[in-house]
């Protein structure tokens, strides 16, 4: 009797987990631009694939909407990322290059911050004493300092983004090779396409975080 109760308990836990994953997948599939639509979503089949480890292709989000794919091969890192045009770009970089790039962008950020501080101070000074200089000079220098502030802010922002990306890349190289990063589930489901006015069946792989709290990314095709 105890064995039967334990088996029923295990089945109950498995059912809850599958239902939780199904709900997360449904929300992921049916939500676009923050708006969730009723697409008559229905799970047909779902099963877990092998986990994604450091030695595999590593998928993670640099931001909530920017996926990057990293593959370590020896001492070099091959990665794909989305450029400003929305297309994926492939690059290869060694760990030593990552260190050099990090130093460069840290210095760029420091220079940008210094330029920003000086420009703000100069702008404040010229705006506080407008009558001590000619109108033409004051106008010219005000525009110059404002332009410097704008360009310096861009330099700081770009530098911080580069530093963050490089830091993330290097951090993954220091994790033990068999560490599980993500869990992947293959899911076949049907939805009603409101644009084509037809029912469609799709098979996709959905990547979850280790605690199964969020769908990180997906890939797949329409059947």
N, C-alpha and C. Protein backbone atom coordinates (compact mmCIF):
# COMPACT_ATOMS: atom_id res chain seq x y z
N UNK A 1 0.82 -1.20 0.00
CA UNK A 1 0.00 0.00 0.00
C UNK A 1 0.86 1.25 0.00
N UNK A 2 1.95 1.24 0.84
CA UNK A 2 2.86 2.38 0.90
C UNK A 2 3.52 2.63 -0.45
N UNK A 3 3.90 1.53 -1.13
CA UNK A 3 4.54 1.66 -2.45
C UNK A 3 3.59 2.30 -3.45
N UNK A 4 2.30 1.92 -3.38
CA UNK A 4 1.32 2.50 -4.29
C UNK A 4 1.12 3.98 -4.03
N UNK A 5 1.10 4.36 -2.75
CA UNK A 5 0.94 5.76 -2.40
C UNK A 5 2.13 6.58 -2.87
N UNK A 6 3.35 6.00 -2.70
CA UNK A 6 4.56 6.70 -3.12
C UNK A 6 4.56 6.88 -4.65
N UNK A 7 4.14 5.83 -5.37
CA UNK A 7 4.09 5.90 -6.84
C UNK A 7 3.10 6.98 -7.28
N UNK A 8 1.95 7.04 -6.60
CA UNK A 8 0.95 8.05 -6.94
C UNK A 8 1.46 9.45 -6.66
N UNK A 9 2.25 9.58 -5.57
CA UNK A 9 2.83 10.88 -5.21
C UNK A 9 3.81 11.35 -6.28
N UNK A 10 4.67 10.42 -6.74
CA UNK A 10 5.64 10.74 -7.78
C UNK A 10 4.94 11.14 -9.07
N UNK A 11 3.90 10.40 -9.44
CA UNK A 11 3.14 10.73 -10.64
C UNK A 11 2.50 12.11 -10.52
N UNK A 12 2.04 12.43 -9.31
CA UNK A 12 1.43 13.74 -9.09
C UNK A 12 2.42 14.86 -9.28
N UNK A 13 3.65 14.67 -8.76
CA UNK A 13 4.69 15.68 -8.92
C UNK A 13 5.05 15.85 -10.39
N UNK A 14 5.18 14.74 -11.11
CA UNK A 14 5.53 14.80 -12.53
C UNK A 14 4.45 15.54 -13.32
N UNK A 15 3.18 15.25 -12.99
CA UNK A 15 2.08 15.91 -13.68
C UNK A 15 2.08 17.40 -13.44
N UNK A 16 2.39 17.82 -12.21
CA UNK A 16 2.43 19.25 -11.88
C UNK A 16 3.55 19.94 -12.64
N UNK A 17 4.71 19.24 -12.72
CA UNK A 17 5.85 19.82 -13.43
C UNK A 17 5.54 20.01 -14.90
N UNK A 18 4.96 18.94 -15.52
CA UNK A 18 4.62 19.02 -16.94
C UNK A 18 3.60 20.13 -17.19
N UNK A 19 2.62 20.24 -16.30
CA UNK A 19 1.60 21.26 -16.46
C UNK A 19 2.20 22.66 -16.35
N UNK A 20 3.16 22.82 -15.43
CA UNK A 20 3.84 24.10 -15.25
C UNK A 20 4.62 24.47 -16.51
N UNK A 21 5.34 23.49 -17.07
CA UNK A 21 6.10 23.73 -18.29
C UNK A 21 5.16 24.08 -19.45
N UNK A 22 4.05 23.38 -19.53
CA UNK A 22 3.08 23.63 -20.60
C UNK A 22 2.54 25.05 -20.52
N UNK A 23 2.24 25.52 -19.30
CA UNK A 23 1.73 26.88 -19.12
C UNK A 23 2.77 27.92 -19.53
N UNK A 24 4.04 27.68 -19.16
CA UNK A 24 5.11 28.61 -19.52
C UNK A 24 5.32 28.65 -21.03
N UNK A 25 5.26 27.47 -21.67
CA UNK A 25 5.40 27.40 -23.12
C UNK A 25 4.24 28.12 -23.80
N UNK A 26 3.02 27.88 -23.30
CA UNK A 26 1.85 28.53 -23.89
C UNK A 26 1.96 30.05 -23.81
N UNK A 27 2.39 30.56 -22.66
CA UNK A 27 2.56 32.01 -22.50
C UNK A 27 3.64 32.53 -23.44
N UNK A 28 4.74 31.78 -23.57
CA UNK A 28 5.84 32.18 -24.44
C UNK A 28 5.40 32.24 -25.90
N UNK A 29 4.65 31.22 -26.33
CA UNK A 29 4.21 31.13 -27.73
C UNK A 29 3.14 32.18 -28.05
N UNK A 30 2.24 32.40 -27.12
CA UNK A 30 1.07 33.25 -27.40
C UNK A 30 1.29 34.73 -27.06
N UNK A 31 2.48 35.09 -26.58
CA UNK A 31 2.75 36.47 -26.20
C UNK A 31 3.70 37.13 -27.19
N UNK A 32 3.32 38.29 -27.67
CA UNK A 32 4.15 39.07 -28.58
C UNK A 32 4.04 40.54 -28.20
N UNK A 33 5.20 41.18 -28.05
CA UNK A 33 5.25 42.60 -27.67
C UNK A 33 4.47 42.86 -26.39
N UNK A 34 4.54 41.89 -25.47
CA UNK A 34 3.88 42.06 -24.18
C UNK A 34 2.39 41.78 -24.16
N UNK A 35 1.84 41.41 -25.31
CA UNK A 35 0.40 41.15 -25.41
C UNK A 35 0.17 39.65 -25.63
N UNK A 36 -0.62 39.02 -24.76
CA UNK A 36 -0.93 37.59 -24.88
C UNK A 36 -2.26 37.40 -25.59
N UNK A 37 -2.27 36.56 -26.64
CA UNK A 37 -3.47 36.32 -27.44
C UNK A 37 -3.98 34.89 -27.23
N UNK A 38 -5.25 34.69 -27.46
CA UNK A 38 -5.84 33.36 -27.39
C UNK A 38 -5.68 32.68 -28.75
N UNK A 39 -4.72 31.75 -28.84
CA UNK A 39 -4.44 31.07 -30.10
C UNK A 39 -4.92 29.61 -30.08
N UNK A 40 -5.81 29.29 -29.13
CA UNK A 40 -6.30 27.91 -28.98
C UNK A 40 -5.13 26.95 -28.84
N UNK A 41 -4.15 27.31 -28.04
CA UNK A 41 -2.92 26.53 -27.84
C UNK A 41 -3.24 25.19 -27.20
N UNK A 42 -2.64 24.12 -27.75
CA UNK A 42 -2.85 22.78 -27.20
C UNK A 42 -1.57 21.95 -27.34
N UNK A 43 -1.11 21.41 -26.21
CA UNK A 43 0.07 20.55 -26.22
C UNK A 43 -0.28 19.17 -26.78
N UNK A 44 0.52 18.70 -27.72
CA UNK A 44 0.34 17.36 -28.28
C UNK A 44 1.32 16.38 -27.64
N UNK A 45 2.57 16.84 -27.52
CA UNK A 45 3.60 15.99 -26.92
C UNK A 45 4.73 16.86 -26.39
N UNK A 46 5.30 16.46 -25.25
CA UNK A 46 6.43 17.20 -24.69
C UNK A 46 7.37 16.23 -23.98
N UNK A 47 8.68 16.38 -24.23
CA UNK A 47 9.66 15.54 -23.57
C UNK A 47 10.99 16.29 -23.43
N UNK A 48 11.71 15.97 -22.37
CA UNK A 48 12.96 16.66 -22.11
C UNK A 48 14.11 16.05 -22.90
N UNK A 49 14.94 16.91 -23.49
CA UNK A 49 16.16 16.47 -24.16
C UNK A 49 17.28 16.48 -23.14
N UNK A 50 18.49 16.18 -23.59
CA UNK A 50 19.64 16.25 -22.69
C UNK A 50 19.87 17.69 -22.27
N UNK A 51 20.41 17.87 -21.09
CA UNK A 51 20.64 19.21 -20.57
C UNK A 51 21.73 19.92 -21.37
N UNK A 52 21.70 21.24 -21.34
CA UNK A 52 22.70 22.06 -22.02
C UNK A 52 23.81 22.36 -21.02
N UNK A 53 25.02 21.89 -21.29
CA UNK A 53 26.14 22.11 -20.37
C UNK A 53 27.13 23.10 -20.97
N UNK A 54 28.16 23.42 -20.20
CA UNK A 54 29.18 24.36 -20.66
C UNK A 54 29.88 23.85 -21.91
N UNK A 55 30.04 22.54 -22.03
CA UNK A 55 30.72 21.99 -23.20
C UNK A 55 29.83 21.98 -24.44
N UNK A 56 28.54 22.21 -24.26
CA UNK A 56 27.62 22.30 -25.40
C UNK A 56 27.58 23.74 -25.91
N UNK A 57 26.77 23.93 -26.96
CA UNK A 57 26.46 25.30 -27.37
C UNK A 57 25.67 25.93 -26.24
N UNK A 58 26.13 27.07 -25.77
CA UNK A 58 25.50 27.68 -24.60
C UNK A 58 24.60 28.83 -25.01
N UNK A 59 23.34 28.73 -24.66
CA UNK A 59 22.39 29.78 -24.97
C UNK A 59 22.05 30.52 -23.69
N UNK A 60 22.19 31.81 -23.70
CA UNK A 60 21.73 32.60 -22.57
C UNK A 60 21.41 33.99 -23.05
N UNK A 61 20.75 34.74 -22.25
CA UNK A 61 20.34 36.08 -22.65
C UNK A 61 21.27 37.13 -22.05
N UNK A 62 21.89 37.92 -22.95
CA UNK A 62 22.67 39.06 -22.49
C UNK A 62 21.69 40.11 -21.94
N UNK A 63 20.58 40.24 -22.62
CA UNK A 63 19.47 41.05 -22.10
C UNK A 63 18.24 40.19 -22.26
N UNK A 64 17.09 40.72 -21.92
CA UNK A 64 15.86 39.94 -22.04
C UNK A 64 15.51 39.60 -23.48
N UNK A 65 16.06 40.35 -24.44
CA UNK A 65 15.66 40.11 -25.83
C UNK A 65 16.84 39.81 -26.76
N UNK A 66 18.04 39.76 -26.20
CA UNK A 66 19.22 39.58 -27.06
C UNK A 66 19.89 38.23 -26.81
N UNK A 67 19.59 37.21 -27.61
CA UNK A 67 20.21 35.90 -27.41
C UNK A 67 21.62 35.84 -28.02
N UNK A 68 22.50 35.12 -27.37
CA UNK A 68 23.84 34.90 -27.92
C UNK A 68 24.18 33.43 -27.78
N UNK A 69 24.92 32.90 -28.74
CA UNK A 69 25.29 31.48 -28.72
C UNK A 69 26.81 31.37 -28.62
N UNK A 70 27.27 30.70 -27.55
CA UNK A 70 28.71 30.57 -27.32
C UNK A 70 29.14 29.11 -27.42
N UNK A 71 30.26 28.87 -28.12
CA UNK A 71 30.82 27.53 -28.21
C UNK A 71 32.32 27.63 -27.91
N UNK A 72 32.76 27.02 -26.82
CA UNK A 72 34.19 27.02 -26.50
C UNK A 72 34.88 25.85 -27.21
N UNK A 73 35.94 26.15 -27.92
CA UNK A 73 36.75 25.11 -28.58
C UNK A 73 38.20 25.38 -28.23
N UNK A 74 38.73 24.56 -27.32
CA UNK A 74 40.09 24.79 -26.85
C UNK A 74 40.17 26.10 -26.10
N UNK A 75 41.04 26.98 -26.57
CA UNK A 75 41.24 28.25 -25.89
C UNK A 75 40.54 29.39 -26.63
N UNK A 76 39.69 29.04 -27.59
CA UNK A 76 39.00 30.07 -28.37
C UNK A 76 37.49 29.97 -28.17
N UNK A 77 36.85 31.10 -28.30
CA UNK A 77 35.41 31.18 -28.15
C UNK A 77 34.79 31.58 -29.47
N UNK A 78 33.89 30.74 -29.98
CA UNK A 78 33.14 31.07 -31.19
C UNK A 78 31.75 31.49 -30.73
N UNK A 79 31.28 32.63 -31.21
CA UNK A 79 29.97 33.08 -30.76
C UNK A 79 29.21 33.82 -31.84
N UNK A 80 27.90 33.78 -31.70
CA UNK A 80 27.00 34.49 -32.60
C UNK A 80 26.21 35.50 -31.78
N UNK A 81 25.99 36.66 -32.33
CA UNK A 81 25.20 37.68 -31.64
C UNK A 81 24.45 38.52 -32.65
N UNK A 82 23.42 39.20 -32.20
CA UNK A 82 22.60 40.00 -33.07
C UNK A 82 23.19 41.40 -33.21
N UNK A 83 23.45 41.84 -34.44
CA UNK A 83 24.03 43.17 -34.64
C UNK A 83 22.92 44.23 -34.70
N UNK A 84 23.30 45.47 -34.97
CA UNK A 84 22.34 46.57 -34.95
C UNK A 84 21.27 46.45 -36.05
N UNK A 85 21.57 45.69 -37.10
CA UNK A 85 20.60 45.50 -38.19
C UNK A 85 19.64 44.35 -37.93
N UNK A 86 19.83 43.65 -36.80
CA UNK A 86 18.95 42.53 -36.47
C UNK A 86 19.40 41.20 -37.03
N UNK A 87 20.55 41.19 -37.73
CA UNK A 87 21.09 39.94 -38.30
C UNK A 87 22.15 39.36 -37.35
N UNK A 88 22.29 38.03 -37.37
CA UNK A 88 23.29 37.39 -36.50
C UNK A 88 24.68 37.45 -37.13
N UNK A 89 25.65 37.77 -36.32
CA UNK A 89 27.04 37.88 -36.75
C UNK A 89 27.88 36.83 -36.01
N UNK A 90 28.77 36.15 -36.72
CA UNK A 90 29.64 35.14 -36.11
C UNK A 90 31.05 35.68 -35.93
N UNK A 91 31.64 35.41 -34.77
CA UNK A 91 33.02 35.83 -34.51
C UNK A 91 33.73 34.77 -33.68
N UNK A 92 35.05 34.83 -33.71
CA UNK A 92 35.88 33.95 -32.88
C UNK A 92 36.88 34.80 -32.12
N UNK A 93 37.06 34.51 -30.84
CA UNK A 93 37.96 35.30 -30.01
C UNK A 93 38.60 34.39 -28.97
N UNK A 94 39.89 34.60 -28.68
CA UNK A 94 40.59 33.80 -27.68
C UNK A 94 40.43 34.44 -26.30
N UNK A 95 40.75 33.70 -25.25
CA UNK A 95 40.64 34.24 -23.90
C UNK A 95 41.57 35.43 -23.70
N UNK A 96 42.76 35.35 -24.29
CA UNK A 96 43.71 36.46 -24.15
C UNK A 96 43.18 37.71 -24.86
N UNK A 97 42.48 37.51 -25.98
CA UNK A 97 41.86 38.65 -26.68
C UNK A 97 40.74 39.26 -25.85
N UNK A 98 40.01 38.39 -25.16
CA UNK A 98 38.94 38.88 -24.29
C UNK A 98 39.53 39.79 -23.20
N UNK A 99 40.67 39.37 -22.63
CA UNK A 99 41.34 40.18 -21.60
C UNK A 99 41.77 41.53 -22.18
N UNK A 100 42.35 41.50 -23.38
CA UNK A 100 42.81 42.75 -24.02
C UNK A 100 41.64 43.67 -24.34
N UNK A 101 40.57 43.07 -24.87
CA UNK A 101 39.38 43.85 -25.17
C UNK A 101 38.79 44.47 -23.91
N UNK A 102 38.81 43.70 -22.83
CA UNK A 102 38.28 44.19 -21.56
C UNK A 102 39.04 45.43 -21.09
N UNK A 103 40.38 45.37 -21.15
CA UNK A 103 41.22 46.50 -20.75
C UNK A 103 40.92 47.72 -21.61
N UNK A 104 40.80 47.50 -22.92
CA UNK A 104 40.52 48.60 -23.85
C UNK A 104 39.22 49.30 -23.50
N UNK A 105 38.15 48.52 -23.31
CA UNK A 105 36.83 49.12 -23.07
C UNK A 105 36.72 49.72 -21.67
N UNK A 106 37.45 49.17 -20.71
CA UNK A 106 37.49 49.78 -19.37
C UNK A 106 38.13 51.16 -19.46
N UNK A 107 39.22 51.27 -20.24
CA UNK A 107 39.87 52.57 -20.43
C UNK A 107 38.97 53.54 -21.20
N UNK A 108 38.26 53.01 -22.21
CA UNK A 108 37.33 53.84 -22.97
C UNK A 108 36.25 54.41 -22.06
N UNK A 109 35.74 53.56 -21.19
CA UNK A 109 34.70 54.02 -20.26
C UNK A 109 35.23 55.10 -19.33
N UNK A 110 36.45 54.90 -18.81
CA UNK A 110 37.06 55.88 -17.91
C UNK A 110 37.26 57.23 -18.60
N UNK A 111 37.73 57.18 -19.86
CA UNK A 111 37.93 58.42 -20.62
C UNK A 111 36.59 59.11 -20.89
N UNK A 112 35.58 58.31 -21.22
CA UNK A 112 34.25 58.87 -21.46
C UNK A 112 33.68 59.52 -20.22
N UNK A 113 33.86 58.87 -19.08
CA UNK A 113 33.35 59.41 -17.81
C UNK A 113 34.07 60.71 -17.44
N UNK A 114 35.38 60.74 -17.67
CA UNK A 114 36.14 61.96 -17.38
C UNK A 114 35.70 63.11 -18.29
N UNK A 115 35.54 62.81 -19.59
CA UNK A 115 35.10 63.82 -20.54
C UNK A 115 33.70 64.32 -20.19
N UNK A 116 32.85 63.42 -19.73
CA UNK A 116 31.49 63.78 -19.35
C UNK A 116 31.49 64.71 -18.13
N UNK A 117 32.33 64.38 -17.16
CA UNK A 117 32.42 65.21 -15.94
C UNK A 117 32.92 66.61 -16.27
N UNK A 118 33.96 66.68 -17.09
CA UNK A 118 34.53 67.98 -17.46
C UNK A 118 33.54 68.82 -18.27
N UNK A 119 32.85 68.19 -19.22
CA UNK A 119 31.90 68.91 -20.06
C UNK A 119 30.73 69.44 -19.24
N UNK A 120 30.26 68.65 -18.30
CA UNK A 120 29.16 69.10 -17.43
C UNK A 120 29.59 70.29 -16.57
N UNK A 121 30.83 70.21 -16.06
CA UNK A 121 31.35 71.30 -15.23
C UNK A 121 31.51 72.58 -16.06
N UNK A 122 32.03 72.45 -17.26
CA UNK A 122 32.22 73.61 -18.15
C UNK A 122 30.88 74.23 -18.56
N UNK A 123 29.90 73.36 -18.84
CA UNK A 123 28.58 73.85 -19.22
C UNK A 123 27.93 74.61 -18.07
N UNK A 124 28.06 74.05 -16.87
CA UNK A 124 27.50 74.71 -15.69
C UNK A 124 28.15 76.07 -15.46
N UNK A 125 29.46 76.13 -15.69
CA UNK A 125 30.19 77.39 -15.49
C UNK A 125 29.75 78.46 -16.48
N UNK A 126 29.63 78.06 -17.75
CA UNK A 126 29.30 79.07 -18.77
C UNK A 126 27.84 79.51 -18.66
N UNK A 127 26.97 78.61 -18.17
CA UNK A 127 25.57 78.98 -18.01
C UNK A 127 25.35 79.85 -16.77
N UNK A 128 26.24 79.74 -15.80
CA UNK A 128 26.10 80.52 -14.57
C UNK A 128 26.65 81.94 -14.70
N UNK A 129 27.47 82.19 -15.75
CA UNK A 129 28.04 83.52 -15.97
C UNK A 129 27.84 83.96 -17.43
N UNK A 130 26.60 84.05 -17.89
CA UNK A 130 26.34 84.37 -19.30
C UNK A 130 26.76 85.79 -19.69
N UNK A 131 26.76 86.74 -18.75
CA UNK A 131 27.03 88.13 -19.07
C UNK A 131 28.53 88.45 -19.12
N UNK A 132 29.35 87.52 -18.63
CA UNK A 132 30.80 87.78 -18.62
C UNK A 132 31.45 87.51 -19.97
N UNK A 133 30.68 86.94 -20.91
CA UNK A 133 31.22 86.62 -22.23
C UNK A 133 30.23 87.12 -23.29
N UNK A 134 30.70 87.16 -24.53
CA UNK A 134 29.82 87.60 -25.61
C UNK A 134 28.74 86.56 -25.85
N UNK A 135 27.63 87.01 -26.42
CA UNK A 135 26.51 86.10 -26.71
C UNK A 135 26.93 85.03 -27.70
N UNK A 136 27.70 85.43 -28.72
CA UNK A 136 28.14 84.47 -29.74
C UNK A 136 29.04 83.40 -29.12
N UNK A 137 29.97 83.82 -28.26
CA UNK A 137 30.90 82.87 -27.61
C UNK A 137 30.13 81.93 -26.69
N UNK A 138 29.22 82.49 -25.92
CA UNK A 138 28.43 81.68 -24.98
C UNK A 138 27.60 80.65 -25.72
N UNK A 139 26.98 81.06 -26.82
CA UNK A 139 26.15 80.15 -27.61
C UNK A 139 26.98 79.03 -28.22
N UNK A 140 28.14 79.41 -28.76
CA UNK A 140 29.02 78.42 -29.41
C UNK A 140 29.53 77.41 -28.39
N UNK A 141 30.01 77.86 -27.25
CA UNK A 141 30.58 76.97 -26.25
C UNK A 141 29.49 76.10 -25.60
N UNK A 142 28.30 76.67 -25.44
CA UNK A 142 27.20 75.88 -24.88
C UNK A 142 26.86 74.70 -25.79
N UNK A 143 26.75 74.97 -27.07
CA UNK A 143 26.48 73.90 -28.04
C UNK A 143 27.61 72.87 -28.06
N UNK A 144 28.85 73.35 -27.95
CA UNK A 144 30.01 72.46 -27.97
C UNK A 144 30.00 71.53 -26.76
N UNK A 145 29.74 72.09 -25.58
CA UNK A 145 29.74 71.27 -24.37
C UNK A 145 28.57 70.28 -24.37
N UNK A 146 27.43 70.71 -24.86
CA UNK A 146 26.28 69.80 -24.93
C UNK A 146 26.55 68.65 -25.90
N UNK A 147 27.22 68.96 -27.00
CA UNK A 147 27.59 67.92 -27.96
C UNK A 147 28.58 66.94 -27.34
N UNK A 148 29.53 67.48 -26.57
CA UNK A 148 30.53 66.64 -25.90
C UNK A 148 29.87 65.74 -24.87
N UNK A 149 28.91 66.28 -24.15
CA UNK A 149 28.17 65.50 -23.16
C UNK A 149 27.45 64.34 -23.82
N UNK A 150 26.78 64.63 -24.92
CA UNK A 150 26.03 63.59 -25.65
C UNK A 150 26.94 62.49 -26.17
N UNK A 151 28.06 62.87 -26.77
CA UNK A 151 28.99 61.87 -27.31
C UNK A 151 29.65 61.07 -26.19
N UNK A 152 29.95 61.74 -25.08
CA UNK A 152 30.58 61.05 -23.94
C UNK A 152 29.63 60.04 -23.32
N UNK A 153 28.36 60.40 -23.23
CA UNK A 153 27.37 59.47 -22.68
C UNK A 153 27.25 58.23 -23.56
N UNK A 154 27.33 58.42 -24.88
CA UNK A 154 27.28 57.28 -25.80
C UNK A 154 28.50 56.38 -25.62
N UNK A 155 29.67 56.99 -25.46
CA UNK A 155 30.90 56.22 -25.26
C UNK A 155 30.81 55.39 -23.99
N UNK A 156 30.31 55.98 -22.92
CA UNK A 156 30.17 55.28 -21.64
C UNK A 156 29.20 54.12 -21.79
N UNK A 157 28.07 54.36 -22.46
CA UNK A 157 27.05 53.32 -22.62
C UNK A 157 27.58 52.16 -23.47
N UNK A 158 28.21 52.47 -24.59
CA UNK A 158 28.77 51.43 -25.45
C UNK A 158 29.84 50.63 -24.70
N UNK A 159 30.69 51.32 -23.97
CA UNK A 159 31.76 50.67 -23.21
C UNK A 159 31.18 49.72 -22.17
N UNK A 160 30.16 50.16 -21.46
CA UNK A 160 29.55 49.32 -20.43
C UNK A 160 28.91 48.07 -21.04
N UNK A 161 28.27 48.23 -22.20
CA UNK A 161 27.68 47.07 -22.88
C UNK A 161 28.75 46.08 -23.32
N UNK A 162 29.86 46.60 -23.86
CA UNK A 162 30.97 45.74 -24.30
C UNK A 162 31.59 45.01 -23.12
N UNK A 163 31.82 45.74 -22.03
CA UNK A 163 32.42 45.14 -20.83
C UNK A 163 31.53 44.03 -20.29
N UNK A 164 30.23 44.29 -20.26
CA UNK A 164 29.30 43.29 -19.75
C UNK A 164 29.32 42.02 -20.61
N UNK A 165 29.29 42.22 -21.94
CA UNK A 165 29.29 41.08 -22.84
C UNK A 165 30.57 40.25 -22.72
N UNK A 166 31.73 40.92 -22.65
CA UNK A 166 33.01 40.23 -22.50
C UNK A 166 33.09 39.50 -21.17
N UNK A 167 32.58 40.14 -20.13
CA UNK A 167 32.60 39.53 -18.81
C UNK A 167 31.75 38.27 -18.78
N UNK A 168 30.58 38.32 -19.42
CA UNK A 168 29.72 37.15 -19.50
C UNK A 168 30.41 36.02 -20.26
N UNK A 169 31.04 36.35 -21.37
CA UNK A 169 31.72 35.34 -22.19
C UNK A 169 32.82 34.66 -21.39
N UNK A 170 33.63 35.45 -20.70
CA UNK A 170 34.74 34.87 -19.94
C UNK A 170 34.24 34.08 -18.74
N UNK A 171 33.16 34.54 -18.16
CA UNK A 171 32.62 33.85 -16.97
C UNK A 171 32.25 32.41 -17.30
N UNK A 172 31.71 32.20 -18.51
CA UNK A 172 31.32 30.85 -18.89
C UNK A 172 32.53 29.95 -19.14
N UNK A 173 33.67 30.55 -19.46
CA UNK A 173 34.86 29.73 -19.69
C UNK A 173 35.43 29.21 -18.37
N UNK A 174 35.01 29.79 -17.26
CA UNK A 174 35.54 29.41 -15.95
C UNK A 174 34.63 28.44 -15.20
N UNK A 175 33.48 28.11 -15.80
CA UNK A 175 32.56 27.17 -15.17
C UNK A 175 32.99 25.74 -15.51
N UNK A 176 32.92 24.80 -14.56
CA UNK A 176 33.26 23.40 -14.86
C UNK A 176 32.51 22.90 -16.08
N UNK A 177 33.19 22.15 -16.97
CA UNK A 177 32.63 21.75 -18.27
C UNK A 177 31.27 21.08 -18.23
N UNK A 178 30.99 20.27 -17.19
CA UNK A 178 29.74 19.51 -17.16
C UNK A 178 28.62 20.23 -16.42
N UNK A 179 28.85 21.47 -16.04
CA UNK A 179 27.82 22.24 -15.34
C UNK A 179 26.60 22.42 -16.23
N UNK A 180 25.43 22.14 -15.69
CA UNK A 180 24.20 22.29 -16.46
C UNK A 180 23.78 23.76 -16.46
N UNK A 181 23.59 24.30 -17.66
CA UNK A 181 23.20 25.70 -17.79
C UNK A 181 21.71 25.85 -18.02
N UNK A 182 21.17 24.99 -18.90
CA UNK A 182 19.76 25.07 -19.27
C UNK A 182 19.16 23.68 -19.39
N UNK A 183 17.84 23.62 -19.41
CA UNK A 183 17.14 22.37 -19.68
C UNK A 183 16.30 22.56 -20.94
N UNK A 184 16.39 21.59 -21.83
CA UNK A 184 15.72 21.71 -23.13
C UNK A 184 14.58 20.70 -23.24
N UNK A 185 13.42 21.18 -23.71
CA UNK A 185 12.25 20.33 -23.89
C UNK A 185 11.76 20.44 -25.33
N UNK A 186 11.54 19.28 -25.95
CA UNK A 186 10.96 19.26 -27.30
C UNK A 186 9.45 19.19 -27.14
N UNK A 187 8.77 20.13 -27.75
CA UNK A 187 7.32 20.21 -27.59
C UNK A 187 6.63 20.31 -28.96
N UNK A 188 5.64 19.46 -29.16
CA UNK A 188 4.80 19.54 -30.35
C UNK A 188 3.44 20.06 -29.89
N UNK A 189 2.94 21.09 -30.56
CA UNK A 189 1.68 21.70 -30.13
C UNK A 189 0.94 22.25 -31.35
N UNK A 190 -0.32 22.57 -31.12
CA UNK A 190 -1.12 23.16 -32.19
C UNK A 190 -1.63 24.52 -31.74
N UNK A 191 -1.77 25.43 -32.72
CA UNK A 191 -2.33 26.75 -32.47
C UNK A 191 -3.20 27.15 -33.66
N UNK A 192 -4.05 28.14 -33.44
CA UNK A 192 -4.82 28.70 -34.54
C UNK A 192 -4.15 29.99 -34.98
N UNK A 193 -3.70 30.03 -36.23
CA UNK A 193 -3.04 31.21 -36.76
C UNK A 193 -4.09 32.23 -37.19
N UNK A 194 -4.19 33.36 -36.46
CA UNK A 194 -5.24 34.35 -36.77
C UNK A 194 -5.02 35.07 -38.11
N UNK A 195 -3.79 35.10 -38.59
CA UNK A 195 -3.51 35.77 -39.86
C UNK A 195 -3.89 34.90 -41.05
N UNK A 196 -3.49 33.61 -40.97
CA UNK A 196 -3.80 32.68 -42.06
C UNK A 196 -5.16 32.02 -41.90
N UNK A 197 -5.76 32.17 -40.72
CA UNK A 197 -7.07 31.58 -40.44
C UNK A 197 -7.04 30.06 -40.55
N UNK A 198 -5.93 29.46 -40.13
CA UNK A 198 -5.81 28.00 -40.18
C UNK A 198 -5.20 27.48 -38.88
N UNK A 199 -5.42 26.22 -38.62
CA UNK A 199 -4.82 25.56 -37.47
C UNK A 199 -3.46 25.02 -37.90
N UNK A 200 -2.42 25.27 -37.09
CA UNK A 200 -1.07 24.83 -37.42
C UNK A 200 -0.49 23.98 -36.30
N UNK A 201 0.34 23.03 -36.71
CA UNK A 201 1.06 22.20 -35.74
C UNK A 201 2.54 22.54 -35.82
N UNK A 202 3.16 22.77 -34.69
CA UNK A 202 4.57 23.14 -34.66
C UNK A 202 5.33 22.25 -33.70
N UNK A 203 6.59 22.01 -34.04
CA UNK A 203 7.50 21.27 -33.16
C UNK A 203 8.66 22.19 -32.84
N UNK A 204 8.87 22.49 -31.57
CA UNK A 204 9.93 23.40 -31.17
C UNK A 204 10.68 22.86 -29.96
N UNK A 205 11.92 23.32 -29.84
CA UNK A 205 12.70 23.05 -28.64
C UNK A 205 12.66 24.31 -27.78
N UNK A 206 12.23 24.16 -26.54
CA UNK A 206 12.15 25.28 -25.62
C UNK A 206 13.23 25.13 -24.55
N UNK A 207 14.00 26.19 -24.36
CA UNK A 207 15.09 26.18 -23.38
C UNK A 207 14.64 26.88 -22.10
N UNK A 208 14.67 26.12 -21.00
CA UNK A 208 14.29 26.64 -19.68
C UNK A 208 15.53 26.88 -18.83
N UNK A 209 15.40 27.76 -17.84
CA UNK A 209 16.45 27.87 -16.83
C UNK A 209 16.40 26.60 -15.99
N UNK A 210 17.42 26.37 -15.18
CA UNK A 210 17.53 25.12 -14.43
C UNK A 210 16.37 24.87 -13.47
N UNK A 211 15.77 25.93 -12.97
CA UNK A 211 14.67 25.78 -12.01
C UNK A 211 13.30 25.71 -12.69
N UNK A 212 13.31 25.73 -14.02
CA UNK A 212 12.07 25.66 -14.80
C UNK A 212 11.11 26.80 -14.46
N UNK A 213 11.67 27.99 -14.29
CA UNK A 213 10.86 29.15 -13.95
C UNK A 213 10.60 30.05 -15.15
N UNK A 214 11.36 29.84 -16.24
CA UNK A 214 11.26 30.75 -17.37
C UNK A 214 11.70 30.06 -18.66
N UNK A 215 10.99 30.33 -19.76
CA UNK A 215 11.44 29.90 -21.08
C UNK A 215 12.44 30.95 -21.56
N UNK A 216 13.68 30.54 -21.77
CA UNK A 216 14.73 31.46 -22.15
C UNK A 216 14.75 31.71 -23.65
N UNK A 217 14.56 30.65 -24.42
CA UNK A 217 14.68 30.76 -25.87
C UNK A 217 13.97 29.56 -26.50
N UNK A 218 13.75 29.62 -27.80
CA UNK A 218 13.14 28.50 -28.50
C UNK A 218 13.65 28.42 -29.92
N UNK A 219 13.52 27.25 -30.51
CA UNK A 219 13.86 27.06 -31.92
C UNK A 219 12.97 25.95 -32.45
N UNK A 220 12.60 26.03 -33.73
CA UNK A 220 11.75 24.98 -34.28
C UNK A 220 11.13 25.33 -35.60
N UNK A 221 10.25 24.49 -36.09
CA UNK A 221 9.63 24.66 -37.42
C UNK A 221 8.14 24.36 -37.38
N UNK A 222 7.46 24.84 -38.39
CA UNK A 222 6.04 24.53 -38.58
C UNK A 222 5.95 23.22 -39.35
N UNK A 223 5.15 22.29 -38.86
CA UNK A 223 5.01 20.99 -39.52
C UNK A 223 3.96 21.05 -40.61
